[in-house]
Amino acid sequence: MNNVGLRLDQAPPFSVPLRFFLTAPLFGAAAAVVLLWAGPSSFASRWNTPLLAAIHLLTLGFLTMVMIGALMQLLPVLAGSPLRRPRAVAAAVHVLLVFGALALTASFFVPAIALRYAALGALGVGLAVFVAAAGASLVRAQSNPSVTAMRLALAGLAVTVLLGLLIGLDWARSLFGVVPMVADTHLAWGLVGWVALLVIGVAYQVVPMFQLTRAYPPWLRRWLVPVVFAALLLWTAASSATTAIPVWLAHAAAAVMAAALATFAIVTLRLQTTRKRRLPDATMRFWLLAMVSLLACIALWAVQTTSLVADARLALLAGAWMTVGFAGSVIQGMLYKIVPFLAWLHLQARGARYVLPNMKEFLPDSRTLPHVWLHAATVALIAPAAFAPMPWLYPAAFALLASFLWLGWNLVSAALLYRRVLRASPVA
């Protein structure tokens, strides 16, 4: 593994990212439980209450939870610009994000305005604290393609949160008049402006480092993220009913975004063929599944865009594959590298003596490789569930639940091994 360019001595305490990593699978499992409880009717419409609750459990409780924890680790190590007071920031953001995500989920089922305001207040404050702290760190960081991607992804998160607050407070109706349009924009900024841009920026470093591939081409590292961000801005402006920008520009901007994301997926798949070591690897397989899922989402978008009649089931499937297939696969694959690496790194830094476990001992292949197949089955089962919720939603939701429980158990096992070794080894 190549650590050149990483500032490992600036890494925050292990507890800073770990609290986010260990919490996130519980929210993913909760999303699956909601779908099982609601049954096939949850897939009848994208506006169904159980589906909205499950989506926010996945996007806020799982995806954003892990991504915030990862950024708190990557800002000092990859960008060379540590967060100030990382323990305090992590504790505040984690508590507010957990409470906010749970309260928001409850507010979908309990029509209490105070509960909704409490959820939005917690999420707004918690994410604002993170955006401010991470933004201050990125302002100090020296620019490179990964730092640029982090900056733009953080801007994407800020826009996503703002739009979510407008929708939640019902201000979108009075400000823009069309809530579904604002909801689509909120979703696009969340999945593309926040999730995809951060994944791309991090991939520039971690794919060559963890998967032992060649580096991404310089032209792609320089232009891909700015092009996607600019296209997303143009699409947002052209899609708004309050602007006079021609509608065809919205379709052109969406096509540019799709082409850029497809290029990233194809280049990543091509790089994986250059791996120096061909041993079975869970992270590589999760990334393979993620890139295939991303290409499938783009294909579904193309089919729906060129069709005379939009099919809501195609849109539902594309959103599910983007969330679970693309983002979910990338995040689970990276957790299986980041957590063992950080555990080993912090044991070394703490001066623990005796023979330390290697990274494979923290998360052996016997526990991670089967999980890839389970998650792949989950992604595959989502397709029939989108078109025939009865009976396919049940096996898809059960597989989703099993996948997140498996991930949670593996991460807890690694954390427990870290604690046992730390307690058993006298420090130097």
Protein backbone atom coordinates (compact mmCIF):
# COMPACT_ATOMS: atom_id res chain seq x y z
CA MET A 1 0.00 0.00 0.00
CA ASN A 2 1.41 3.36 -1.07
CA ASN A 3 1.18 6.04 1.64
CA VAL A 4 3.22 8.67 -0.19
CA GLY A 5 1.75 12.14 0.26
CA LEU A 6 -0.35 11.18 3.30
CA ARG A 7 0.18 13.09 6.55
CA LEU A 8 -0.50 10.20 8.90
CA ASP A 9 1.02 12.03 11.87
CA GLN A 10 -1.87 14.54 11.74
CA ALA A 11 -4.61 11.91 12.00
CA PRO A 12 -7.27 12.70 14.65
CA PRO A 13 -7.99 10.26 17.51
CA PHE A 14 -9.51 6.97 16.35
CA SER A 15 -12.70 7.77 18.27
CA VAL A 16 -13.40 10.76 16.00
CA PRO A 17 -14.30 8.82 12.82
CA LEU A 18 -15.11 5.53 14.58
CA ARG A 19 -18.25 6.82 16.32
CA PHE A 20 -19.72 7.67 12.90
CA PHE A 21 -18.65 4.39 11.33
CA LEU A 22 -20.15 2.22 14.09
CA THR A 23 -23.44 4.13 14.18
CA ALA A 24 -24.12 4.20 10.45
CA PRO A 25 -25.03 0.49 9.88
CA LEU A 26 -27.78 0.78 12.51
CA PHE A 27 -29.52 3.41 10.40
CA GLY A 28 -29.21 1.25 7.30
CA ALA A 29 -30.76 -1.66 9.19
CA ALA A 30 -33.52 0.65 10.44
CA ALA A 31 -34.33 1.62 6.84
CA ALA A 32 -34.76 -2.06 5.98
CA VAL A 33 -37.00 -2.59 9.03
CA VAL A 34 -39.21 0.32 7.95
CA LEU A 35 -39.64 -1.22 4.48
CA LEU A 36 -40.44 -4.64 5.96
CA TRP A 37 -42.97 -3.11 8.34
CA ALA A 38 -44.68 -1.06 5.62
CA GLY A 39 -44.67 -3.86 3.07
CA PRO A 40 -45.07 -3.62 -0.73
CA SER A 41 -47.21 -0.47 -0.53
CA SER A 42 -44.10 1.54 0.35
CA PHE A 43 -42.95 1.18 -3.28
CA ALA A 44 -46.23 2.33 -4.75
CA SER A 45 -45.01 5.93 -5.00
CA ARG A 46 -41.86 7.91 -4.24
CA TRP A 47 -44.01 10.13 -1.98
CA ASN A 48 -45.15 7.29 0.29
CA THR A 49 -44.32 8.02 3.92
CA PRO A 50 -42.44 4.74 4.64
CA LEU A 51 -40.30 5.13 1.52
CA LEU A 52 -39.43 8.74 2.41
CA ALA A 53 -38.49 7.62 5.91
CA ALA A 54 -36.31 4.78 4.58
CA ILE A 55 -34.62 7.09 2.07
CA HIS A 56 -33.67 9.60 4.76
CA LEU A 57 -32.46 6.86 7.09
CA LEU A 58 -30.17 5.68 4.30
CA THR A 59 -28.98 9.08 3.07
CA LEU A 60 -28.67 10.89 6.40
CA GLY A 61 -28.16 8.05 8.83
CA PHE A 62 -25.88 5.87 6.73
CA LEU A 63 -24.31 7.69 3.78
CA THR A 64 -23.83 11.13 5.34
CA MET A 65 -22.89 9.63 8.70
CA VAL A 66 -19.99 7.66 7.18
CA MET A 67 -18.94 10.45 4.83
CA ILE A 68 -18.69 12.99 7.66
CA GLY A 69 -16.60 10.58 9.71
CA ALA A 70 -14.38 9.87 6.71
CA LEU A 71 -13.90 13.56 5.96
CA MET A 72 -12.85 14.25 9.54
CA GLN A 73 -10.12 11.67 8.97
CA LEU A 74 -9.22 12.72 5.43
CA LEU A 75 -8.96 16.47 5.98
CA PRO A 76 -5.77 16.22 8.07
CA VAL A 77 -4.35 13.11 6.37
CA LEU A 78 -5.16 13.78 2.72
CA ALA A 79 -5.62 17.57 2.62
CA GLY A 80 -3.01 18.32 5.30
CA SER A 81 -5.40 20.64 7.16
CA PRO A 82 -6.76 19.22 10.46
CA LEU A 83 -10.07 20.23 11.94
CA ARG A 84 -9.76 22.48 14.94
CA ARG A 85 -10.96 20.76 18.14
CA PRO A 86 -11.88 17.53 16.30
CA ARG A 87 -13.19 15.75 19.41
CA ALA A 88 -15.63 18.53 20.25
CA VAL A 89 -16.77 18.93 16.63
CA ALA A 90 -17.22 15.17 16.20
CA ALA A 91 -19.19 14.81 19.43
CA ALA A 92 -21.53 17.71 18.64
CA VAL A 93 -22.12 16.76 15.01
CA HIS A 94 -22.63 13.08 15.83
CA VAL A 95 -25.21 13.69 18.57
CA LEU A 96 -27.16 16.22 16.50
CA LEU A 97 -27.07 14.05 13.37
CA VAL A 98 -28.26 10.95 15.24
CA PHE A 99 -31.06 12.79 17.00
CA GLY A 100 -32.03 14.71 13.87
CA ALA A 101 -32.19 11.63 11.65
CA LEU A 102 -34.27 9.70 14.19
CA ALA A 103 -36.59 12.64 14.85
CA LEU A 104 -37.05 13.28 11.12
CA THR A 105 -37.94 9.61 10.59
CA ALA A 106 -40.46 9.77 13.43
CA SER A 107 -41.94 12.99 12.02
CA PHE A 108 -42.97 11.15 8.85
CA PHE A 109 -45.28 8.96 10.93
CA VAL A 110 -46.24 11.29 13.81
CA PRO A 111 -47.93 14.49 12.57
CA ALA A 112 -46.48 16.75 15.26
CA ILE A 113 -45.09 20.04 14.03
CA ALA A 114 -42.85 20.34 17.11
CA LEU A 115 -41.19 17.03 16.24
CA ARG A 116 -40.50 18.15 12.68
CA TYR A 117 -39.03 21.45 13.85
CA ALA A 118 -36.87 19.65 16.42
CA ALA A 119 -35.57 17.32 13.70
CA LEU A 120 -34.87 20.12 11.24
CA GLY A 121 -33.26 22.23 13.94
CA ALA A 122 -30.92 19.44 15.02
CA LEU A 123 -29.99 18.52 11.47
CA GLY A 124 -29.57 22.14 10.42
CA VAL A 125 -27.33 23.03 13.36
CA GLY A 126 -25.32 19.79 13.28
CA LEU A 127 -24.62 19.89 9.57
CA ALA A 128 -23.93 23.64 9.69
CA VAL A 129 -21.31 23.04 12.39
CA PHE A 130 -19.68 20.41 10.22
CA VAL A 131 -19.79 22.51 7.05
CA ALA A 132 -18.28 25.48 8.91
CA ALA A 133 -15.53 23.40 10.55
CA ALA A 134 -14.68 21.45 7.41
CA GLY A 135 -14.92 24.58 5.27
CA ALA A 136 -12.44 26.42 7.49
CA SER A 137 -10.10 23.45 7.19
CA LEU A 138 -10.40 23.32 3.40
CA VAL A 139 -9.75 27.05 3.08
CA ARG A 140 -6.35 26.47 4.71
CA ALA A 141 -5.58 23.38 2.60
CA GLN A 142 -3.28 23.50 -0.41
CA SER A 143 -5.27 22.91 -3.61
CA ASN A 144 -5.08 19.61 -5.46
CA PRO A 145 -7.76 17.59 -7.32
CA SER A 146 -8.93 15.80 -4.17
CA VAL A 147 -9.13 19.03 -2.15
CA THR A 148 -11.06 20.72 -4.97
CA ALA A 149 -13.52 17.83 -4.97
CA MET A 150 -13.91 18.06 -1.19
CA ARG A 151 -14.60 21.79 -1.40
CA LEU A 152 -17.24 21.38 -4.09
CA ALA A 153 -18.77 18.37 -2.33
CA LEU A 154 -19.03 20.40 0.87
CA ALA A 155 -20.79 23.13 -1.13
CA GLY A 156 -23.08 20.40 -2.47
CA LEU A 157 -23.88 19.30 1.07
CA ALA A 158 -24.69 22.89 2.05
CA VAL A 159 -27.11 23.27 -0.88
CA THR A 160 -28.69 19.89 -0.08
CA VAL A 161 -29.26 20.87 3.55
CA LEU A 162 -30.69 24.27 2.60
CA LEU A 163 -33.14 22.75 0.14
CA GLY A 164 -34.09 20.06 2.65
CA LEU A 165 -34.84 22.69 5.28
CA LEU A 166 -36.96 24.68 2.81
CA ILE A 167 -38.98 21.56 1.97
CA GLY A 168 -39.27 20.49 5.60
CA LEU A 169 -40.44 23.91 6.75
CA ASP A 170 -42.86 24.05 3.77
CA TRP A 171 -41.23 27.24 2.56
CA ALA A 172 -40.49 25.67 -0.82
CA ARG A 173 -44.15 25.96 -1.77
CA SER A 174 -44.28 29.71 -1.18
CA LEU A 175 -40.80 30.44 -2.56
CA PHE A 176 -40.84 28.22 -5.65
CA GLY A 177 -44.43 27.09 -6.01
CA VAL A 178 -43.63 23.52 -7.11
CA VAL A 179 -42.47 21.26 -4.30
CA PRO A 180 -41.74 18.17 -6.50
CA MET A 181 -39.29 20.26 -8.55
CA VAL A 182 -37.52 21.40 -5.39
CA ALA A 183 -37.49 17.80 -4.12
CA ASP A 184 -35.85 16.63 -7.36
CA THR A 185 -33.24 19.36 -7.02
CA HIS A 186 -32.67 18.40 -3.37
CA LEU A 187 -32.15 14.78 -4.42
CA ALA A 188 -29.79 15.70 -7.28
CA TRP A 189 -27.60 17.88 -5.07
CA GLY A 190 -27.52 15.19 -2.39
CA LEU A 191 -26.62 12.24 -4.61
CA VAL A 192 -24.48 14.03 -7.20
CA GLY A 193 -23.30 17.29 -5.63
CA TRP A 194 -22.49 15.76 -2.23
CA VAL A 195 -22.09 11.98 -2.52
CA ALA A 196 -20.72 11.48 -6.05
CA LEU A 197 -18.29 14.42 -5.95
CA LEU A 198 -16.83 13.30 -2.63
CA VAL A 199 -16.52 9.71 -3.84
CA ILE A 200 -14.70 10.89 -6.97
CA GLY A 201 -12.33 13.14 -5.03
CA VAL A 202 -11.48 10.44 -2.52
CA ALA A 203 -11.11 7.84 -5.28
CA TYR A 204 -8.20 9.78 -6.78
CA GLN A 205 -6.18 8.81 -3.69
CA VAL A 206 -7.67 5.64 -2.25
CA VAL A 207 -8.20 3.57 -5.42
CA PRO A 208 -4.48 3.56 -6.34
CA MET A 209 -3.47 3.28 -2.67
CA PHE A 210 -5.80 0.53 -1.45
CA GLN A 211 -6.44 -1.33 -4.70
CA LEU A 212 -2.84 -1.05 -6.00
CA THR A 213 -3.81 0.34 -9.39
CA ARG A 214 -2.31 3.01 -11.61
CA ALA A 215 -3.19 6.63 -10.90
CA TYR A 216 -6.19 8.29 -12.51
CA PRO A 217 -5.28 10.22 -15.69
CA PRO A 218 -4.24 13.86 -15.01
CA TRP A 219 -6.91 15.24 -17.37
CA LEU A 220 -9.66 13.42 -15.50
CA ARG A 221 -8.42 14.55 -12.07
CA ARG A 222 -8.27 18.15 -13.28
CA TRP A 223 -11.57 18.48 -15.13
CA LEU A 224 -14.09 15.86 -14.04
CA VAL A 225 -15.30 17.30 -10.73
CA PRO A 226 -15.52 20.95 -11.92
CA VAL A 227 -17.44 19.85 -15.02
CA VAL A 228 -19.96 17.85 -12.97
CA PHE A 229 -20.42 20.72 -10.51
CA ALA A 230 -20.87 23.30 -13.28
CA ALA A 231 -23.35 21.06 -15.10
CA LEU A 232 -25.30 20.56 -11.87
CA LEU A 233 -25.48 24.33 -11.38
CA LEU A 234 -26.71 24.83 -14.95
CA TRP A 235 -29.26 22.02 -14.61
CA THR A 236 -30.57 23.57 -11.38
CA ALA A 237 -30.94 26.99 -12.95
CA ALA A 238 -32.52 25.67 -16.15
CA SER A 239 -34.93 23.40 -14.28
CA SER A 240 -36.24 26.18 -12.06
CA ALA A 241 -39.63 27.57 -12.98
CA THR A 242 -38.46 31.02 -11.88
CA THR A 243 -35.83 31.40 -14.63
CA ALA A 244 -36.09 32.12 -18.35
CA ILE A 245 -33.29 29.72 -19.27
CA PRO A 246 -34.37 27.38 -22.12
CA VAL A 247 -35.48 23.96 -20.91
CA TRP A 248 -33.24 22.21 -23.43
CA LEU A 249 -30.26 23.48 -21.44
CA ALA A 250 -31.44 21.42 -18.49
CA HIS A 251 -31.37 18.27 -20.65
CA ALA A 252 -27.95 19.21 -22.03
CA ALA A 253 -26.57 19.79 -18.53
CA ALA A 254 -28.00 16.46 -17.34
CA ALA A 255 -26.40 14.72 -20.32
CA VAL A 256 -23.02 16.27 -19.48
CA MET A 257 -23.34 15.09 -15.86
CA ALA A 258 -24.28 11.60 -16.98
CA ALA A 259 -21.39 11.44 -19.45
CA ALA A 260 -18.90 12.67 -16.85
CA LEU A 261 -20.06 10.16 -14.22
CA ALA A 262 -20.00 7.36 -16.80
CA THR A 263 -16.44 8.35 -17.70
CA PHE A 264 -15.44 8.09 -14.04
CA ALA A 265 -17.01 4.64 -13.73
CA ILE A 266 -15.39 3.33 -16.94
CA VAL A 267 -11.95 4.71 -16.05
CA THR A 268 -12.20 3.20 -12.56
CA LEU A 269 -13.13 -0.19 -13.99
CA ARG A 270 -10.23 0.10 -16.43
CA LEU A 271 -7.82 0.95 -13.61
CA GLN A 272 -8.93 -2.11 -11.67
CA THR A 273 -7.61 -4.26 -14.51
CA THR A 274 -4.13 -2.82 -13.82
CA ARG A 275 -4.00 -4.09 -10.24
CA LYS A 276 -0.53 -5.23 -9.22
CA ARG A 277 -1.91 -7.93 -6.94
CA ARG A 278 -4.72 -10.22 -8.08
CA LEU A 279 -5.66 -11.72 -4.70
CA PRO A 280 -9.35 -11.66 -3.73
CA ASP A 281 -10.22 -8.31 -2.18
CA ALA A 282 -13.59 -7.22 -0.78
CA THR A 283 -12.95 -3.52 -1.33
CA MET A 284 -12.12 -4.00 -5.00
CA ARG A 285 -15.26 -6.08 -5.52
CA PHE A 286 -17.43 -3.52 -3.72
CA TRP A 287 -16.02 -0.82 -6.01
CA LEU A 288 -16.65 -3.03 -9.04
CA LEU A 289 -20.28 -3.41 -7.96
CA ALA A 290 -20.49 0.35 -7.35
CA MET A 291 -19.23 1.29 -10.81
CA VAL A 292 -21.53 -1.21 -12.53
CA SER A 293 -24.45 0.19 -10.49
CA LEU A 294 -23.52 3.74 -11.48
CA LEU A 295 -23.46 2.79 -15.17
CA ALA A 296 -26.82 1.04 -14.74
CA CYS A 297 -28.29 4.21 -13.17
CA ILE A 298 -27.05 6.28 -16.11
CA ALA A 299 -28.53 3.78 -18.55
CA LEU A 300 -31.89 3.95 -16.77
CA TRP A 301 -31.77 7.75 -16.90
CA ALA A 302 -31.05 7.61 -20.64
CA VAL A 303 -33.94 5.22 -21.26
CA GLN A 304 -36.33 7.38 -19.27
CA THR A 305 -35.13 10.61 -20.91
CA THR A 306 -35.51 9.32 -24.45
CA SER A 307 -38.85 7.64 -23.76
CA LEU A 308 -42.09 9.42 -24.66
CA VAL A 309 -43.69 8.25 -21.40
CA ALA A 310 -41.75 8.59 -18.17
CA ASP A 311 -41.93 5.48 -16.03
CA ALA A 312 -41.93 6.18 -12.29
CA ARG A 313 -40.63 2.66 -11.65
CA LEU A 314 -37.48 3.36 -13.66
CA ALA A 315 -36.87 6.53 -11.63
CA LEU A 316 -37.42 4.59 -8.39
CA LEU A 317 -35.00 1.87 -9.48
CA ALA A 318 -32.37 4.41 -10.58
CA GLY A 319 -32.58 6.22 -7.23
CA ALA A 320 -32.34 2.96 -5.29
CA TRP A 321 -29.35 1.75 -7.29
CA MET A 322 -27.64 5.14 -6.93
CA THR A 323 -28.12 5.04 -3.16
CA VAL A 324 -27.62 1.36 -2.33
CA GLY A 325 -25.74 0.08 -5.38
CA PHE A 326 -23.33 2.94 -6.06
CA ALA A 327 -22.88 4.95 -2.85
CA GLY A 328 -23.62 2.07 -0.48
CA SER A 329 -21.14 -0.25 -2.19
CA VAL A 330 -18.34 2.34 -2.27
CA ILE A 331 -18.81 3.20 1.40
CA GLN A 332 -18.90 -0.41 2.59
CA GLY A 333 -15.85 -1.26 0.54
CA MET A 334 -13.92 1.70 1.93
CA LEU A 335 -14.93 0.93 5.52
CA TYR A 336 -13.36 -2.50 5.12
CA LYS A 337 -10.04 -0.79 4.33
CA ILE A 338 -10.21 2.37 6.43
CA VAL A 339 -11.19 0.81 9.76
CA PRO A 340 -8.43 -1.86 9.85
CA PHE A 341 -5.88 0.66 8.56
CA LEU A 342 -6.79 3.23 11.21
CA ALA A 343 -6.85 0.60 13.96
CA TRP A 344 -3.35 -0.58 13.04
CA LEU A 345 -2.10 3.00 12.60
CA HIS A 346 -3.37 4.17 15.99
CA LEU A 347 -2.01 1.10 17.79
CA GLN A 348 1.39 1.94 16.34
CA ALA A 349 1.04 5.60 17.26
CA ARG A 350 0.03 4.73 20.84
CA GLY A 351 3.28 2.81 21.24
CA ALA A 352 1.59 -0.56 21.79
CA ARG A 353 4.19 -3.29 22.03
CA TYR A 354 4.26 -7.00 21.16
CA VAL A 355 3.24 -8.17 17.70
CA LEU A 356 0.36 -6.08 16.37
CA PRO A 357 -2.42 -7.66 14.29
CA ASN A 358 -2.11 -7.00 10.58
CA MET A 359 -4.97 -5.39 8.66
CA LYS A 360 -6.36 -8.73 7.48
CA GLU A 361 -6.65 -9.93 11.08
CA PHE A 362 -8.92 -7.02 11.94
CA LEU A 363 -11.29 -7.91 9.10
CA PRO A 364 -10.38 -11.27 7.53
CA ASP A 365 -11.47 -12.20 4.02
CA SER A 366 -13.65 -14.98 5.45
CA ARG A 367 -15.96 -12.29 6.84
CA THR A 368 -15.72 -9.58 4.18
CA LEU A 369 -15.79 -11.48 0.88
CA PRO A 370 -19.14 -13.23 1.55
CA HIS A 371 -20.60 -9.84 2.44
CA VAL A 372 -19.90 -8.64 -1.11
CA TRP A 373 -22.11 -11.38 -2.50
CA LEU A 374 -24.87 -10.61 -0.01
CA HIS A 375 -24.81 -6.93 -0.92
CA ALA A 376 -24.72 -7.75 -4.63
CA ALA A 377 -27.81 -9.92 -4.12
CA THR A 378 -29.47 -6.99 -2.37
CA VAL A 379 -28.75 -4.68 -5.31
CA ALA A 380 -30.04 -7.28 -7.75
CA LEU A 381 -33.26 -7.89 -5.78
CA ILE A 382 -34.10 -4.18 -5.84
CA ALA A 383 -34.87 -4.45 -9.59
CA PRO A 384 -37.84 -6.85 -9.38
CA ALA A 385 -38.98 -5.11 -6.18
CA ALA A 386 -39.30 -1.81 -8.07
CA PHE A 387 -41.55 -3.37 -10.73
CA ALA A 388 -43.38 -5.97 -8.62
CA PRO A 389 -43.26 -4.95 -4.94
CA MET A 390 -45.46 -7.91 -4.09
CA PRO A 391 -43.70 -10.23 -3.34
CA TRP A 392 -40.20 -8.99 -4.23
CA LEU A 393 -39.95 -6.21 -1.67
CA TYR A 394 -39.67 -8.69 1.19
CA PRO A 395 -36.57 -10.60 0.00
CA ALA A 396 -34.96 -7.30 -1.06
CA ALA A 397 -35.58 -5.69 2.33
CA PHE A 398 -34.47 -8.82 4.21
CA ALA A 399 -31.24 -8.88 2.18
CA LEU A 400 -30.72 -5.17 2.90
CA LEU A 401 -31.23 -5.77 6.62
CA ALA A 402 -28.82 -8.73 6.62
CA SER A 403 -26.21 -6.72 4.70
CA PHE A 404 -26.21 -3.83 7.17
CA LEU A 405 -26.20 -6.15 10.18
CA TRP A 406 -23.24 -8.02 8.69
CA LEU A 407 -21.40 -4.74 8.11
CA GLY A 408 -22.13 -3.56 11.65
CA TRP A 409 -20.95 -6.79 13.22
CA ASN A 410 -17.71 -6.75 11.22
CA LEU A 411 -16.94 -3.15 12.23
CA VAL A 412 -17.74 -3.82 15.89
CA SER A 413 -15.51 -6.91 15.82
CA ALA A 414 -12.61 -4.84 14.45
CA ALA A 415 -13.15 -2.16 17.09
CA LEU A 416 -13.24 -4.77 19.86
CA LEU A 417 -9.99 -6.34 18.63
CA TYR A 418 -8.39 -2.88 18.64
CA ARG A 419 -9.48 -2.36 22.25
CA ARG A 420 -8.29 -5.81 23.36
CA VAL A 421 -4.85 -5.33 21.81
CA LEU A 422 -4.53 -1.85 23.28
CA ARG A 423 -5.41 -3.06 26.77
CA ALA A 424 -3.17 -6.12 26.58
CA SER A 425 -0.09 -4.33 25.23
CA PRO A 426 1.96 -2.16 27.56
CA VAL A 427 2.80 1.22 26.03
CA ALA A 428 6.40 2.20 25.40
